[in-house]
N, C-alpha and C. Protein backbone atom coordinates (compact mmCIF):
# COMPACT_ATOMS: atom_id res chain seq x y z
N MET A 1 192.35 114.55 190.52
CA MET A 1 193.12 113.96 189.36
C MET A 1 193.26 112.44 189.93
N THR A 2 193.10 111.67 188.74
CA THR A 2 193.47 110.11 189.02
C THR A 2 194.76 109.89 188.25
N PHE A 3 195.54 109.35 188.82
CA PHE A 3 196.62 108.95 187.75
C PHE A 3 197.38 107.37 188.56
N LEU A 4 198.29 107.08 187.04
CA LEU A 4 198.58 105.42 187.71
C LEU A 4 200.37 105.69 186.48
N VAL A 5 201.16 105.30 188.01
CA VAL A 5 202.92 105.37 187.94
C VAL A 5 202.63 104.03 187.61
N VAL A 6 203.62 103.45 186.42
CA VAL A 6 203.73 102.35 185.84
C VAL A 6 205.30 102.23 186.50
N ILE A 7 205.76 101.37 186.82
CA ILE A 7 207.18 100.81 187.20
C ILE A 7 207.52 99.75 186.57
N SER A 8 208.87 99.97 186.14
CA SER A 8 209.21 99.20 185.02
C SER A 8 210.24 97.62 185.71
N ASN A 9 210.30 96.79 185.56
CA ASN A 9 211.23 95.74 186.06
C ASN A 9 212.38 95.92 186.66
N ASN A 10 213.03 97.50 186.17
CA ASN A 10 214.35 97.80 186.65
C ASN A 10 214.00 98.98 187.79
N GLY A 11 212.53 99.50 187.72
CA GLY A 11 211.97 100.14 189.48
C GLY A 11 212.07 101.51 189.03
N HIS A 12 212.29 101.83 187.36
CA HIS A 12 212.11 103.04 186.96
C HIS A 12 210.77 103.20 186.25
N MET A 13 210.33 104.51 186.61
CA MET A 13 208.88 105.14 186.02
C MET A 13 209.23 104.82 184.22
N THR A 14 208.07 104.35 183.94
CA THR A 14 207.48 104.31 182.53
C THR A 14 206.53 105.35 181.99
N SER A 15 206.16 105.73 181.06
CA SER A 15 205.22 106.68 180.26
C SER A 15 204.27 105.29 179.89
N SER A 16 203.08 106.14 180.13
CA SER A 16 201.78 104.89 179.63
C SER A 16 200.45 106.26 179.44
N ALA A 17 199.85 106.20 178.85
CA ALA A 17 198.82 106.59 178.50
C ALA A 17 197.81 107.52 180.25
N THR A 18 198.24 106.63 180.52
CA THR A 18 197.85 107.57 181.74
C THR A 18 198.55 107.67 182.82
N ALA A 19 200.14 107.88 182.24
CA ALA A 19 200.83 108.34 183.29
C ALA A 19 201.13 110.14 183.14
N THR A 20 201.62 110.58 184.78
CA THR A 20 201.32 112.21 185.17
C THR A 20 202.50 112.22 184.55
N THR A 21 202.19 113.79 184.33
CA THR A 21 203.67 114.58 184.23
C THR A 21 204.67 114.77 185.15
N LEU A 22 205.94 114.69 184.95
CA LEU A 22 206.90 114.78 186.44
C LEU A 22 206.29 115.93 187.58
N ASP A 23 205.49 117.09 186.84
CA ASP A 23 205.37 118.00 188.22
C ASP A 23 204.09 117.42 188.77
N ASP A 24 202.94 116.70 187.98
CA ASP A 24 202.29 115.82 188.58
C ASP A 24 202.47 115.16 189.79
N PHE A 25 203.62 114.44 189.05
CA PHE A 25 204.18 113.35 190.20
C PHE A 25 204.69 113.72 191.07
N VAL A 26 205.55 115.09 191.09
CA VAL A 26 206.12 115.65 192.45
C VAL A 26 205.17 116.28 193.41
N ASP A 27 204.11 117.15 192.63
CA ASP A 27 203.37 117.16 193.51
C ASP A 27 202.18 116.17 194.27
N ALA A 28 201.95 115.26 193.85
CA ALA A 28 201.36 114.15 194.66
C ALA A 28 202.53 113.39 195.73
N VAL A 29 204.15 113.70 195.45
CA VAL A 29 204.78 113.05 196.51
C VAL A 29 204.59 114.42 197.55
N LEU A 30 204.62 115.80 197.03
CA LEU A 30 204.50 116.43 197.84
C LEU A 30 203.79 116.39 198.98
N GLY A 31 202.42 116.70 198.47
CA GLY A 31 201.32 116.39 199.29
C GLY A 31 201.63 115.20 200.18
N ALA A 32 201.50 113.52 199.61
CA ALA A 32 202.10 112.65 200.80
C ALA A 32 202.91 112.71 201.55
N SER A 33 204.34 113.74 201.59
CA SER A 33 205.00 114.33 202.15
C SER A 33 204.22 114.91 203.44
N ARG A 34 203.63 115.45 203.06
CA ARG A 34 202.97 116.25 204.28
C ARG A 34 202.09 115.53 205.35
N ALA A 35 201.47 114.69 204.37
CA ALA A 35 200.89 113.82 205.09
C ALA A 35 201.48 112.58 206.19
N LEU A 36 202.43 112.17 205.41
CA LEU A 36 203.44 111.07 206.36
C LEU A 36 204.33 112.12 207.65
N VAL A 37 204.71 113.69 207.02
CA VAL A 37 205.62 114.15 208.38
C VAL A 37 204.34 114.18 209.27
N GLY A 38 203.03 114.55 209.12
CA GLY A 38 201.85 114.30 210.08
C GLY A 38 202.33 113.21 211.02
N VAL A 39 202.30 112.43 210.35
CA VAL A 39 202.21 111.31 211.15
C VAL A 39 203.49 110.67 212.05
N ALA A 40 204.48 111.19 211.15
CA ALA A 40 205.76 111.24 212.26
C ALA A 40 205.96 111.77 213.22
N ALA A 41 205.39 113.16 213.36
CA ALA A 41 205.30 114.14 214.15
C ALA A 41 204.58 114.03 215.30
N ARG A 42 202.96 113.41 215.14
CA ARG A 42 202.34 112.59 216.13
C ARG A 42 202.80 111.56 216.75
N SER A 43 203.43 110.49 215.78
CA SER A 43 204.32 109.50 216.32
C SER A 43 205.46 109.87 217.33
N LEU A 44 206.17 110.61 217.13
CA LEU A 44 207.37 111.22 218.39
C LEU A 44 206.87 111.78 219.49
N ALA A 45 205.68 112.54 218.95
CA ALA A 45 204.96 113.24 220.54
C ALA A 45 204.49 112.19 221.37
N ALA A 46 203.81 111.13 220.88
CA ALA A 46 203.44 110.56 221.87
C ALA A 46 204.49 109.02 222.26
N ALA A 47 205.92 109.48 221.91
CA ALA A 47 207.25 108.27 222.27
C ALA A 47 207.20 108.56 224.01
N PRO A 48 207.64 107.72 224.69
CA PRO A 48 207.74 107.76 225.91
C PRO A 48 209.00 108.80 226.40
N GLU A 49 209.87 108.93 225.31
CA GLU A 49 210.95 109.74 225.84
C GLU A 49 210.76 110.63 224.76
N GLU A 50 211.58 112.27 225.01
CA GLU A 50 211.38 113.23 224.41
C GLU A 50 212.45 112.94 223.44
N ILE A 51 212.54 112.92 222.21
CA ILE A 51 213.66 112.60 220.99
C ILE A 51 212.87 113.88 219.58
N SER A 52 213.90 114.61 219.45
CA SER A 52 213.69 115.03 217.92
C SER A 52 213.61 114.52 216.65
N LEU A 53 213.43 114.67 215.91
CA LEU A 53 213.01 113.92 214.73
C LEU A 53 214.66 113.39 214.39
N PRO A 54 215.74 114.59 213.81
CA PRO A 54 217.31 113.96 213.72
C PRO A 54 217.46 113.11 214.70
N GLN A 55 217.42 112.99 215.81
CA GLN A 55 217.43 111.84 216.78
C GLN A 55 217.09 110.61 216.74
N TYR A 56 215.79 110.80 216.29
CA TYR A 56 215.25 109.91 216.05
C TYR A 56 215.81 109.05 214.72
N ARG A 57 216.17 109.47 213.87
CA ARG A 57 216.45 109.29 212.55
C ARG A 57 218.04 108.47 212.74
N ALA A 58 218.82 108.83 213.77
CA ALA A 58 220.05 108.40 214.22
C ALA A 58 219.74 107.27 214.82
N LEU A 59 218.80 107.01 215.68
CA LEU A 59 218.35 105.55 215.84
C LEU A 59 218.00 104.82 215.32
N VAL A 60 217.27 104.70 214.16
CA VAL A 60 216.54 104.31 213.03
C VAL A 60 217.85 104.01 212.11
N VAL A 61 218.91 104.60 212.23
CA VAL A 61 219.78 104.27 210.98
C VAL A 61 220.64 103.22 212.02
N LEU A 62 220.98 103.79 213.35
CA LEU A 62 221.89 102.41 214.36
C LEU A 62 220.91 101.10 214.29
N SER A 63 219.66 101.61 214.65
CA SER A 63 219.06 100.01 214.59
C SER A 63 219.13 99.32 213.57
N SER A 64 218.92 99.93 212.21
CA SER A 64 219.44 99.26 211.10
C SER A 64 220.52 98.71 210.96
N ARG A 65 221.46 98.89 211.40
CA ARG A 65 223.01 98.53 211.07
C ARG A 65 223.49 97.64 212.35
N GLY A 66 222.65 98.33 213.61
CA GLY A 66 223.28 97.72 214.75
C GLY A 66 224.41 98.09 215.57
N ARG A 67 225.25 98.71 214.65
CA ARG A 67 226.44 99.23 215.47
C ARG A 67 227.03 100.20 214.37
N ALA A 68 227.69 100.93 214.66
CA ALA A 68 227.93 102.00 213.44
C ALA A 68 229.18 103.14 214.42
N ARG A 69 230.02 103.08 213.83
CA ARG A 69 231.27 104.22 214.21
C ARG A 69 230.53 105.69 214.00
N ALA A 70 230.87 106.75 214.99
CA ALA A 70 230.70 107.85 214.66
C ALA A 70 230.87 108.80 213.90
N GLN A 71 232.07 108.58 212.75
CA GLN A 71 231.54 109.49 211.63
C GLN A 71 231.26 108.74 210.71
N ASP A 72 231.08 107.53 210.40
CA ASP A 72 230.09 106.62 209.61
C ASP A 72 228.50 106.71 209.67
N LEU A 73 228.23 107.06 211.38
CA LEU A 73 226.84 107.87 211.18
C LEU A 73 226.84 109.14 210.72
N ALA A 74 227.37 110.40 211.28
CA ALA A 74 227.32 111.41 210.53
C ALA A 74 227.45 111.44 209.06
N ALA A 75 228.07 110.48 208.14
CA ALA A 75 227.94 110.75 207.12
C ALA A 75 226.92 109.90 206.23
N LEU A 76 226.16 109.05 207.19
CA LEU A 76 225.16 108.35 206.66
C LEU A 76 223.76 109.31 207.07
N LEU A 77 223.78 110.01 207.65
CA LEU A 77 222.67 111.46 208.30
C LEU A 77 223.04 112.31 207.28
N GLU A 78 224.45 112.45 206.87
CA GLU A 78 224.61 113.74 205.67
C GLU A 78 224.68 115.24 207.22
N VAL A 79 225.38 114.80 207.85
CA VAL A 79 225.77 116.07 208.75
C VAL A 79 227.02 115.54 209.12
N THR A 80 227.48 116.94 209.54
CA THR A 80 228.94 117.48 210.42
C THR A 80 229.25 116.12 211.07
N PRO A 81 230.50 116.05 211.06
CA PRO A 81 230.83 114.96 212.24
C PRO A 81 230.65 116.11 213.86
N SER A 82 231.07 116.99 214.10
CA SER A 82 230.47 117.96 214.85
C SER A 82 229.24 118.33 215.33
N THR A 83 227.80 118.16 214.31
CA THR A 83 226.59 118.12 214.47
C THR A 83 226.41 116.47 215.14
N GLY A 84 227.34 115.42 214.65
CA GLY A 84 227.00 114.36 214.79
C GLY A 84 226.90 113.96 216.03
N SER A 85 228.33 114.51 216.95
CA SER A 85 228.78 114.10 217.83
C SER A 85 227.73 114.58 219.15
N ARG A 86 227.21 116.13 218.42
CA ARG A 86 226.29 116.16 219.45
C ARG A 86 225.07 115.78 219.98
N MET A 87 224.80 115.29 218.77
CA MET A 87 223.73 114.78 218.62
C MET A 87 223.58 113.30 219.63
N VAL A 88 224.44 112.65 219.66
CA VAL A 88 225.07 111.41 219.80
C VAL A 88 225.08 111.64 221.45
N ASP A 89 225.76 112.76 221.83
CA ASP A 89 226.03 113.01 223.40
C ASP A 89 224.46 113.29 223.45
N ARG A 90 223.88 113.86 223.20
CA ARG A 90 222.05 114.03 223.32
C ARG A 90 221.51 112.49 223.76
N LEU A 91 221.71 112.09 222.73
CA LEU A 91 221.13 110.52 222.90
C LEU A 91 221.88 109.48 224.21
N VAL A 92 223.06 109.86 224.14
CA VAL A 92 223.73 108.79 225.24
C VAL A 92 223.33 109.46 226.58
N ARG A 93 223.02 110.88 226.54
CA ARG A 93 222.67 111.32 227.89
C ARG A 93 221.14 110.83 228.49
N LYS A 94 220.44 110.51 227.58
CA LYS A 94 219.17 110.44 227.22
C LYS A 94 219.04 108.92 227.52
N GLY A 95 220.23 108.20 227.62
CA GLY A 95 220.24 106.64 227.74
C GLY A 95 219.68 105.76 226.19
N LEU A 96 220.09 105.92 225.30
CA LEU A 96 219.51 105.57 224.33
C LEU A 96 220.14 105.05 223.26
N VAL A 97 221.58 105.54 223.67
CA VAL A 97 222.81 105.11 222.67
C VAL A 97 223.99 104.46 223.51
N HIS A 98 225.02 103.67 223.60
CA HIS A 98 225.66 103.28 224.19
C HIS A 98 227.41 103.71 222.76
N ARG A 99 228.11 104.53 224.02
CA ARG A 99 229.36 104.48 223.42
C ARG A 99 230.45 103.26 223.64
N SER A 100 231.21 102.86 222.83
CA SER A 100 232.01 102.25 223.12
C SER A 100 233.38 102.19 222.60
N PRO A 101 234.62 102.39 222.98
CA PRO A 101 235.92 102.68 222.07
C PRO A 101 236.43 101.44 221.21
N VAL A 102 236.92 101.84 220.05
CA VAL A 102 236.97 100.48 219.15
C VAL A 102 238.89 99.94 219.56
N GLU A 103 238.39 98.99 220.23
CA GLU A 103 240.17 98.14 220.22
C GLU A 103 241.19 98.57 218.97
N GLY A 104 242.28 99.17 219.63
CA GLY A 104 243.23 99.63 218.40
C GLY A 104 242.91 100.78 217.89
N ASP A 105 242.18 101.49 218.04
CA ASP A 105 242.16 103.14 217.56
C ASP A 105 241.60 104.25 218.63
N ARG A 106 242.41 104.34 219.19
CA ARG A 106 241.72 105.40 220.43
C ARG A 106 240.56 106.54 219.93
N ARG A 107 240.90 106.89 218.70
CA ARG A 107 240.05 108.13 218.35
C ARG A 107 238.68 107.39 217.50
N ALA A 108 238.21 106.29 217.82
CA ALA A 108 237.22 105.62 216.87
C ALA A 108 236.43 105.66 218.02
N VAL A 109 234.94 105.27 217.62
CA VAL A 109 234.01 105.11 218.61
C VAL A 109 232.95 104.49 218.34
N ASP A 110 232.51 103.08 218.35
CA ASP A 110 231.28 102.51 217.98
C ASP A 110 230.01 103.14 219.07
N LEU A 111 229.24 103.13 217.99
CA LEU A 111 228.06 103.95 218.57
C LEU A 111 226.57 102.09 218.62
N GLU A 112 226.22 102.16 219.51
CA GLU A 112 224.78 101.50 218.83
C GLU A 112 223.50 101.50 220.08
N PRO A 113 222.37 101.06 219.61
CA PRO A 113 221.34 101.73 220.80
C PRO A 113 221.06 100.43 221.30
N THR A 114 220.46 101.79 222.56
CA THR A 114 220.35 100.55 224.52
C THR A 114 219.38 99.92 224.01
N ALA A 115 218.83 99.09 224.81
CA ALA A 115 217.41 98.40 225.08
C ALA A 115 216.69 99.60 225.17
N SER A 116 216.98 100.84 225.40
CA SER A 116 216.11 101.80 225.54
C SER A 116 215.69 102.17 224.36
N GLY A 117 216.82 102.33 223.79
CA GLY A 117 216.92 103.35 222.23
C GLY A 117 215.92 101.89 221.67
N ARG A 118 216.39 100.95 221.36
CA ARG A 118 215.45 100.03 220.94
C ARG A 118 213.88 100.06 221.16
N ALA A 119 213.67 100.06 222.26
CA ALA A 119 212.31 100.68 222.42
C ALA A 119 211.61 101.17 222.04
N LEU A 120 212.36 102.71 222.14
CA LEU A 120 211.88 104.03 221.80
C LEU A 120 211.57 103.89 220.38
N VAL A 121 212.39 103.47 219.72
CA VAL A 121 212.42 103.00 217.83
C VAL A 121 210.75 101.87 217.61
N ASP A 122 210.85 101.13 218.70
CA ASP A 122 209.90 99.79 218.51
C ASP A 122 208.42 100.61 218.29
N ALA A 123 208.27 101.55 219.81
CA ALA A 123 207.16 102.20 220.19
C ALA A 123 206.66 102.92 219.09
N VAL A 124 207.90 104.19 218.40
CA VAL A 124 207.40 104.87 217.63
C VAL A 124 206.88 104.38 216.03
N THR A 125 207.92 102.97 215.81
CA THR A 125 207.48 102.57 214.78
C THR A 125 205.84 101.66 214.87
N ARG A 126 205.63 101.23 215.70
CA ARG A 126 204.15 100.65 215.77
C ARG A 126 203.21 101.81 215.98
N ALA A 127 203.27 103.08 216.48
CA ALA A 127 202.42 104.01 216.14
C ALA A 127 202.45 104.60 214.81
N ARG A 128 203.48 104.48 213.90
CA ARG A 128 203.71 104.72 212.49
C ARG A 128 202.67 103.73 211.85
N ARG A 129 203.19 102.39 212.02
CA ARG A 129 202.43 101.66 211.55
C ARG A 129 200.98 101.22 211.31
N GLN A 130 200.65 101.53 212.77
CA GLN A 130 198.94 101.65 213.17
C GLN A 130 198.31 103.17 212.35
N GLU A 131 198.74 104.03 212.75
CA GLU A 131 198.13 105.30 211.74
C GLU A 131 198.27 104.96 210.51
N ILE A 132 199.38 104.68 209.85
CA ILE A 132 199.54 104.20 208.35
C ILE A 132 198.44 103.28 207.99
N ALA A 133 198.37 102.20 208.49
CA ALA A 133 197.22 101.37 208.27
C ALA A 133 196.08 102.22 208.45
N ARG A 134 195.81 102.74 209.23
CA ARG A 134 194.36 103.45 209.07
C ARG A 134 194.33 104.47 208.04
N ILE A 135 195.13 104.80 207.49
CA ILE A 135 195.33 105.68 205.97
C ILE A 135 195.06 105.02 204.97
N VAL A 136 195.78 103.94 204.89
CA VAL A 136 196.01 102.73 203.81
C VAL A 136 194.49 102.60 203.48
N ARG A 137 193.85 101.62 204.70
CA ARG A 137 192.85 101.17 204.39
C ARG A 137 191.62 101.95 203.66
N ARG A 138 192.12 103.57 203.27
CA ARG A 138 191.09 104.15 202.59
C ARG A 138 191.40 104.62 201.45
N VAL A 139 192.47 103.68 201.28
CA VAL A 139 193.02 103.77 199.70
C VAL A 139 192.33 102.32 199.02
N PRO A 140 191.64 102.88 197.86
CA PRO A 140 190.84 101.99 197.01
C PRO A 140 192.14 100.79 196.82
N VAL A 141 191.29 99.46 196.99
CA VAL A 141 192.38 98.19 196.97
C VAL A 141 192.69 98.05 195.68
N SER A 142 191.72 98.11 194.63
CA SER A 142 192.47 98.40 193.25
C SER A 142 194.17 99.04 193.00
N VAL A 143 193.98 100.15 193.83
CA VAL A 143 195.62 100.95 193.59
C VAL A 143 196.59 100.58 194.73
N ARG A 144 196.21 99.75 195.19
CA ARG A 144 196.83 99.16 196.29
C ARG A 144 198.24 98.55 195.65
N PRO A 145 198.60 98.11 195.06
CA PRO A 145 199.47 96.89 194.38
C PRO A 145 200.46 98.43 193.52
N GLU A 146 200.08 99.22 192.73
CA GLU A 146 200.66 100.13 192.30
C GLU A 146 201.43 101.10 193.21
N LEU A 147 200.80 101.59 193.99
CA LEU A 147 201.07 102.57 195.14
C LEU A 147 202.39 101.81 195.90
N VAL A 148 202.41 100.66 196.30
CA VAL A 148 203.12 99.98 196.46
C VAL A 148 204.31 100.09 196.09
N LYS A 149 204.22 99.46 194.49
CA LYS A 149 205.20 99.82 193.78
C LYS A 149 206.17 100.82 193.61
N ALA A 150 205.42 101.69 193.51
CA ALA A 150 205.72 103.35 193.28
C ALA A 150 206.41 103.75 194.87
N LEU A 151 205.50 103.69 196.24
CA LEU A 151 206.27 104.02 197.12
C LEU A 151 207.76 103.11 197.52
N GLN A 152 207.79 101.67 196.68
CA GLN A 152 208.97 101.19 197.01
C GLN A 152 209.92 101.71 196.30
N ALA A 153 209.56 101.80 195.04
CA ALA A 153 210.73 102.63 194.36
C ALA A 153 211.20 104.09 194.49
N PHE A 154 210.20 104.82 195.12
CA PHE A 154 210.40 106.20 195.84
C PHE A 154 211.80 105.84 196.81
N ALA A 155 211.39 105.00 197.61
CA ALA A 155 212.05 104.96 199.06
C ALA A 155 213.48 104.39 198.77
N GLU A 156 213.88 103.54 197.70
CA GLU A 156 214.77 102.99 197.25
C GLU A 156 215.78 104.40 196.84
N ALA A 157 214.93 104.99 195.83
CA ALA A 157 215.60 106.03 194.89
C ALA A 157 216.32 106.89 195.95
N ALA A 158 215.36 107.34 197.09
CA ALA A 158 215.91 108.31 198.06
C ALA A 158 217.17 107.12 199.09
N GLY A 159 217.06 105.96 198.95
CA GLY A 159 218.33 105.62 199.53
C GLY A 159 217.80 105.18 200.96
N GLU A 160 216.84 104.71 201.17
CA GLU A 160 215.65 104.36 202.74
C GLU A 160 216.45 102.96 202.51
N VAL A 161 216.37 102.72 203.98
CA VAL A 161 216.89 101.43 204.31
C VAL A 161 215.63 100.68 204.08
N PRO A 162 215.66 99.17 204.00
CA PRO A 162 214.30 98.43 203.46
C PRO A 162 213.78 98.32 205.05
N GLU A 163 212.65 97.80 205.24
CA GLU A 163 212.16 97.33 206.34
C GLU A 163 212.52 95.76 206.35
N GLN A 164 212.93 95.95 207.84
CA GLN A 164 213.56 94.66 208.37
C GLN A 164 213.18 94.23 209.48
N SER A 165 213.40 92.98 210.04
CA SER A 165 212.73 93.10 211.75
C SER A 165 212.80 93.38 212.64
N TRP A 166 213.62 94.87 212.58
CA TRP A 166 214.10 95.47 213.48
C TRP A 166 212.80 96.80 213.75
N SER A 167 212.25 96.56 212.73
CA SER A 167 211.31 97.81 212.60
C SER A 167 209.73 97.32 212.84
N GLN A 168 209.83 95.75 213.31
CA GLN A 168 208.18 94.70 213.55
C GLN A 168 208.77 95.10 214.79
N GLY A 169 209.48 94.86 215.50
CA GLY A 169 209.61 94.70 217.07
C GLY A 169 211.02 94.05 216.95
N TRP A 170 211.62 93.99 218.39
CA TRP A 170 212.67 93.63 218.83
C TRP A 170 212.78 91.80 219.06
N THR A 171 213.82 91.51 218.39
CA THR A 171 213.42 89.84 218.72
C THR A 171 215.14 89.75 219.55
N GLU A 172 215.27 89.39 220.54
CA GLU A 172 216.90 89.46 220.89
C GLU A 172 216.61 87.90 221.43
């Protein structure tokens, strides 16, 4: 099935003669998500440090923010504070995250990725980019602009952080 998703200037899907039904669109996204989960799993399996997908997600969030309080990280990951705390404990034990007390608030703790944490995010991101590039090369050039717009709108709707310099490699 061929489909075209039309994105308006405000980033919302609009109808067109070739637009699909919402169910068709959801099915297409589900298929793409299965493919991307495979890419994610393979890139994590090749990481220099054993890390779970939720732990990796925490590292990505910290990398995109630079530094975050523990309770804010849990909220951003949509996990309970106790789950977030256990996840951070594991990342600290692995040397991927550094905790530092917040001056003036003895209960608050700031978190930031260590150099090893940044290197791991960089290695996984690089592996994902390479595999995704191989896949994208098989997508017909004529549909790539519409696909880019649709994927950007999808990521924005999901609240995903935009690609930044941290995802392309570290420059400190």
